Amino acid sequence: MKTQILPLCLLACASLATAQDESQKPQYDDGSIVVPAARADESILPAFSSAAAEHHLRDGALAWSESKSCISCHTNGAYLTMRPALTPWLGRPENRLREFALAELAKLKNTDPDMLQKGTRPAQAIYIAAGLAEWDRHVTKTLSPETREALEFMFSLQQDTGSWASLDCWPPYESDAYHLATVAAMAAGTAPDWLESARSERVAAGLEKLKRYLTSTEPPHDYGRTLLLWASCRFPGLLDEAGKASI
């Protein structure tokens, strides 16, 4: 019996040590930037600090970009789509993340067409376009050639349903095709003067398919309803006032 108990004890100790090691791993680490993982016992600031929050978001986005080499909805993608709107209060966003998005756009455009519909590539294309659109709206105040290019590329990946291919996983971000459609609508409606100047037949047809998808598809969850409401503030015709009030 004792000979059986000893291996079990050793296994339990090894498992505990592994769990402790995992709990001490940083959330993001690219070799130069380390973002600690959240802990239940970490100290609490006496007051809210927007500078500390911005520092955390920026470092997480930079570390992810350097270590993972892709656009993700929950790190650099979130930074690019949300941080530019805070420019009046927090200053200009991190330009290295815009440059990274442009480099990833170039990589996607050089990817085999069959591969572009697989994995997170459609989501990456959408978040790149959305991030560049937010940058133009809130930072430079004018539509850039790069944003126009990203939007046209985004619509080149659109499916006949009006949405985009999705892995349908990792909620709330990258959770379903509905989520991607709302972010695409935000991108199209946010880029300065782009809706008015988008004249190619493919883009015009894509905009109509996107609008039809979002107005005819029931949001799959409350999160989707919130995204639809948000997108309707930028993309015209998605919700009337009664629809907005109901959400």
Protein backbone atom coordinates (compact mmCIF):
# COMPACT_ATOMS: atom_id res chain seq x y z
CA MET A 1 0.00 0.00 0.00
CA LYS A 2 2.81 2.38 0.92
CA THR A 3 4.45 1.82 -2.45
CA GLN A 4 1.21 2.94 -4.11
CA ILE A 5 0.75 6.03 -1.95
CA LEU A 6 4.22 7.42 -2.61
CA PRO A 7 3.75 7.85 -6.40
CA LEU A 8 0.37 9.48 -5.79
CA CYS A 9 1.94 11.95 -3.36
CA LEU A 10 4.70 12.75 -5.82
CA LEU A 11 2.14 13.27 -8.59
CA ALA A 12 0.06 15.55 -6.39
CA CYS A 13 3.12 17.62 -5.47
CA ALA A 14 4.15 17.88 -9.11
CA SER A 15 0.63 18.96 -10.11
CA LEU A 16 0.57 21.59 -7.36
CA ALA A 17 3.96 22.93 -8.43
CA THR A 18 2.79 23.10 -12.05
CA ALA A 19 -0.37 24.95 -11.03
CA GLN A 20 1.68 27.43 -9.02
CA ASP A 21 4.05 27.95 -11.94
CA GLU A 22 1.10 28.54 -14.28
CA SER A 23 -0.44 31.06 -11.88
CA GLN A 24 2.83 33.01 -11.84
CA LYS A 25 3.19 33.17 -15.62
CA PRO A 26 2.69 36.66 -17.05
CA GLN A 27 -0.33 37.33 -19.20
CA TYR A 28 1.89 38.62 -22.01
CA ASP A 29 5.65 38.45 -22.42
CA ASP A 30 7.55 39.26 -25.61
CA GLY A 31 10.99 39.30 -24.01
CA SER A 32 11.08 43.05 -23.46
CA ILE A 33 7.53 43.83 -22.27
CA VAL A 34 6.03 41.76 -19.48
CA VAL A 35 2.37 42.18 -18.51
CA PRO A 36 1.60 40.35 -15.24
CA ALA A 37 -1.43 38.09 -15.12
CA ALA A 38 -4.39 39.21 -13.02
CA ARG A 39 -4.47 37.77 -9.49
CA ALA A 40 -7.21 37.67 -6.91
CA ASP A 41 -4.78 38.86 -4.22
CA GLU A 42 -3.14 41.72 -6.13
CA SER A 43 -3.19 45.18 -4.57
CA ILE A 44 -5.92 47.67 -5.48
CA LEU A 45 -5.18 51.26 -6.46
CA PRO A 46 -6.73 53.83 -4.12
CA ALA A 47 -8.29 55.63 -7.12
CA PHE A 48 -8.89 55.00 -10.81
CA SER A 49 -5.89 55.79 -13.01
CA SER A 50 -6.53 56.25 -16.73
CA ALA A 51 -2.76 56.39 -17.27
CA ALA A 52 -2.30 52.97 -15.65
CA ALA A 53 -5.17 51.52 -17.69
CA GLU A 54 -3.75 52.95 -20.90
CA HIS A 55 -0.30 51.62 -20.04
CA HIS A 56 -1.72 48.14 -19.47
CA LEU A 57 -3.66 48.13 -22.75
CA ARG A 58 -0.74 49.48 -24.76
CA ASP A 59 1.83 47.10 -23.32
CA GLY A 60 -0.47 44.12 -23.76
CA ALA A 61 -1.10 45.05 -27.38
CA LEU A 62 2.59 45.59 -28.09
CA ALA A 63 3.67 42.38 -26.36
CA TRP A 64 1.05 40.35 -28.22
CA SER A 65 2.05 41.88 -31.56
CA GLU A 66 5.70 41.07 -31.01
CA SER A 67 5.22 37.55 -29.63
CA LYS A 68 2.24 36.30 -31.66
CA SER A 69 2.65 38.22 -34.93
CA CYS A 70 -1.06 38.56 -35.65
CA ILE A 71 -4.04 40.82 -35.01
CA SER A 72 -6.29 39.55 -32.24
CA CYS A 73 -9.68 40.90 -31.22
CA HIS A 74 -8.81 41.03 -27.51
CA THR A 75 -5.38 42.74 -27.59
CA ASN A 76 -4.04 44.85 -30.46
CA GLY A 77 -7.39 44.66 -32.26
CA ALA A 78 -9.21 46.05 -29.23
CA TYR A 79 -6.55 48.73 -28.80
CA LEU A 80 -6.80 49.86 -32.41
CA THR A 81 -10.60 50.00 -32.43
CA MET A 82 -11.08 51.72 -29.06
CA ARG A 83 -7.98 53.69 -28.09
CA PRO A 84 -8.13 56.34 -30.90
CA ALA A 85 -11.45 57.70 -29.57
CA LEU A 86 -9.66 58.60 -26.32
CA THR A 87 -7.07 60.77 -28.07
CA PRO A 88 -8.43 64.08 -26.65
CA TRP A 89 -7.89 62.78 -23.12
CA LEU A 90 -4.96 60.36 -23.38
CA GLY A 91 -3.01 61.75 -26.31
CA ARG A 92 -2.09 60.12 -29.60
CA PRO A 93 -2.28 56.30 -29.66
CA GLU A 94 0.80 54.12 -30.07
CA ASN A 95 1.89 54.50 -33.70
CA ARG A 96 3.82 51.21 -33.63
CA LEU A 97 0.50 49.37 -33.44
CA ARG A 98 -0.82 51.14 -36.52
CA GLU A 99 2.37 50.25 -38.37
CA PHE A 100 1.98 46.65 -37.22
CA ALA A 101 -1.59 46.58 -38.55
CA LEU A 102 -0.40 47.84 -41.93
CA ALA A 103 2.29 45.16 -42.04
CA GLU A 104 -0.29 42.48 -41.22
CA LEU A 105 -2.59 43.84 -43.93
CA ALA A 106 0.21 43.45 -46.46
CA LYS A 107 0.79 39.86 -45.28
CA LEU A 108 -2.90 39.01 -45.61
CA LYS A 109 -3.09 40.46 -49.10
CA ASN A 110 -0.21 38.18 -50.11
CA THR A 111 -1.87 35.10 -48.62
CA ASP A 112 -3.24 32.34 -50.82
CA PRO A 113 -6.93 33.18 -51.52
CA ASP A 114 -8.13 29.79 -50.28
CA MET A 115 -6.39 30.35 -46.96
CA LEU A 116 -7.93 33.77 -46.45
CA GLN A 117 -11.27 32.21 -45.52
CA LYS A 118 -9.72 30.01 -42.84
CA GLY A 119 -8.81 30.53 -39.21
CA THR A 120 -8.88 34.05 -37.84
CA ARG A 121 -7.83 35.71 -41.10
CA PRO A 122 -11.26 37.23 -41.88
CA ALA A 123 -11.47 38.57 -38.32
CA GLN A 124 -7.97 40.01 -38.61
CA ALA A 125 -8.85 41.78 -41.87
CA ILE A 126 -11.97 43.26 -40.29
CA TYR A 127 -10.19 44.47 -37.17
CA ILE A 128 -7.39 46.00 -39.23
CA ALA A 129 -9.93 47.95 -41.29
CA ALA A 130 -11.87 48.97 -38.18
CA GLY A 131 -8.73 50.07 -36.34
CA LEU A 132 -7.46 52.14 -39.26
CA ALA A 133 -10.92 53.70 -39.65
CA GLU A 134 -10.96 54.72 -35.98
CA TRP A 135 -7.47 56.18 -36.35
CA ASP A 136 -8.56 58.29 -39.30
CA ARG A 137 -11.72 59.48 -37.57
CA HIS A 138 -10.18 60.42 -34.23
CA VAL A 139 -6.49 61.06 -34.87
CA THR A 140 -5.83 62.38 -38.39
CA LYS A 141 -9.46 63.41 -39.13
CA THR A 142 -9.14 62.36 -42.77
CA LEU A 143 -9.46 59.15 -44.78
CA SER A 144 -6.08 57.62 -45.56
CA PRO A 145 -5.23 55.50 -48.62
CA GLU A 146 -4.30 52.67 -46.26
CA THR A 147 -7.75 52.67 -44.66
CA ARG A 148 -9.46 52.70 -48.03
CA GLU A 149 -7.30 49.75 -49.07
CA ALA A 150 -8.12 47.85 -45.87
CA LEU A 151 -11.86 48.41 -46.27
CA GLU A 152 -11.87 47.24 -49.87
CA PHE A 153 -9.87 44.17 -48.89
CA MET A 154 -12.29 43.47 -46.04
CA PHE A 155 -15.23 43.44 -48.43
CA SER A 156 -13.35 41.20 -50.85
CA LEU A 157 -13.54 38.49 -48.15
CA GLN A 158 -17.27 38.92 -47.47
CA GLN A 159 -19.48 35.86 -47.91
CA ASP A 160 -22.78 35.73 -49.79
CA THR A 161 -24.64 35.78 -46.47
CA GLY A 162 -23.39 39.30 -45.85
CA SER A 163 -21.08 38.32 -43.00
CA TRP A 164 -17.61 36.78 -42.88
CA ALA A 165 -16.14 33.36 -42.14
CA SER A 166 -15.73 32.88 -38.40
CA LEU A 167 -14.26 30.26 -36.09
CA ASP A 168 -17.30 30.68 -33.79
CA CYS A 169 -15.25 30.42 -30.63
CA TRP A 170 -13.53 32.37 -27.86
CA PRO A 171 -16.48 34.48 -26.70
CA PRO A 172 -17.11 37.31 -26.37
CA TYR A 173 -14.61 38.29 -29.08
CA GLU A 174 -14.30 36.09 -32.16
CA SER A 175 -17.49 34.46 -30.94
CA ASP A 176 -19.52 34.25 -34.15
CA ALA A 177 -20.11 35.65 -37.62
CA TYR A 178 -22.61 38.16 -36.20
CA HIS A 179 -19.90 39.76 -34.12
CA LEU A 180 -17.67 40.16 -37.19
CA ALA A 181 -20.49 41.72 -39.19
CA THR A 182 -21.07 44.40 -36.55
CA VAL A 183 -17.37 45.28 -36.43
CA ALA A 184 -17.28 45.46 -40.24
CA ALA A 185 -20.26 47.83 -40.16
CA MET A 186 -18.45 49.95 -37.59
CA ALA A 187 -15.40 50.06 -39.85
CA ALA A 188 -17.39 51.11 -42.90
CA GLY A 189 -19.39 53.72 -41.03
CA THR A 190 -16.47 55.16 -39.07
CA ALA A 191 -13.95 55.87 -41.85
CA PRO A 192 -14.31 59.58 -42.71
CA ASP A 193 -16.43 60.09 -45.86
CA TRP A 194 -15.83 56.52 -47.01
CA LEU A 195 -19.47 55.49 -47.34
CA GLU A 196 -20.11 58.51 -49.54
CA SER A 197 -17.09 57.84 -51.75
CA ALA A 198 -17.25 54.02 -52.03
CA ARG A 199 -18.32 53.68 -55.66
CA SER A 200 -17.05 50.28 -56.82
CA GLU A 201 -19.80 47.80 -57.63
CA ARG A 202 -18.31 45.16 -55.34
CA VAL A 203 -18.19 47.45 -52.34
CA ALA A 204 -21.67 48.85 -53.00
CA ALA A 205 -23.05 45.31 -53.22
CA GLY A 206 -21.12 44.34 -50.10
CA LEU A 207 -22.55 47.23 -48.12
CA GLU A 208 -26.06 46.26 -49.13
CA LYS A 209 -25.48 42.61 -48.18
CA LEU A 210 -24.02 43.67 -44.83
CA LYS A 211 -26.99 45.91 -44.09
CA ARG A 212 -29.45 43.17 -45.10
CA TYR A 213 -27.66 40.64 -42.89
CA LEU A 214 -27.70 42.85 -39.80
CA THR A 215 -31.30 43.98 -40.26
CA SER A 216 -32.67 40.49 -40.91
CA THR A 217 -30.60 38.37 -38.53
CA GLU A 218 -31.65 38.16 -34.91
CA PRO A 219 -28.71 38.92 -32.61
CA PRO A 220 -27.67 35.58 -31.07
CA HIS A 221 -27.21 36.98 -27.57
CA ASP A 222 -27.31 40.19 -25.52
CA TYR A 223 -23.71 40.85 -26.44
CA GLY A 224 -24.73 40.81 -30.11
CA ARG A 225 -27.61 43.19 -29.40
CA THR A 226 -25.17 45.61 -27.77
CA LEU A 227 -22.83 45.38 -30.76
CA LEU A 228 -25.74 46.04 -33.13
CA LEU A 229 -26.71 49.13 -31.14
CA TRP A 230 -23.12 50.36 -31.21
CA ALA A 231 -22.78 49.74 -34.94
CA SER A 232 -26.08 51.53 -35.63
CA CYS A 233 -24.56 54.73 -34.24
CA ARG A 234 -22.05 54.72 -37.12
CA PHE A 235 -23.68 52.74 -39.95
CA PRO A 236 -26.99 54.26 -41.12
CA GLY A 237 -30.16 52.23 -41.47
CA LEU A 238 -29.44 49.37 -39.08
CA LEU A 239 -31.93 50.40 -36.39
CA ASP A 240 -34.69 52.98 -36.18
CA GLU A 241 -35.27 54.92 -32.98
CA ALA A 242 -37.75 52.35 -31.69
CA GLY A 243 -35.24 49.57 -32.33
CA LYS A 244 -32.54 51.45 -30.46
CA ALA A 245 -34.87 52.13 -27.55
CA SER A 246 -35.84 48.46 -27.33
CA ILE A 247 -32.22 47.48 -26.80
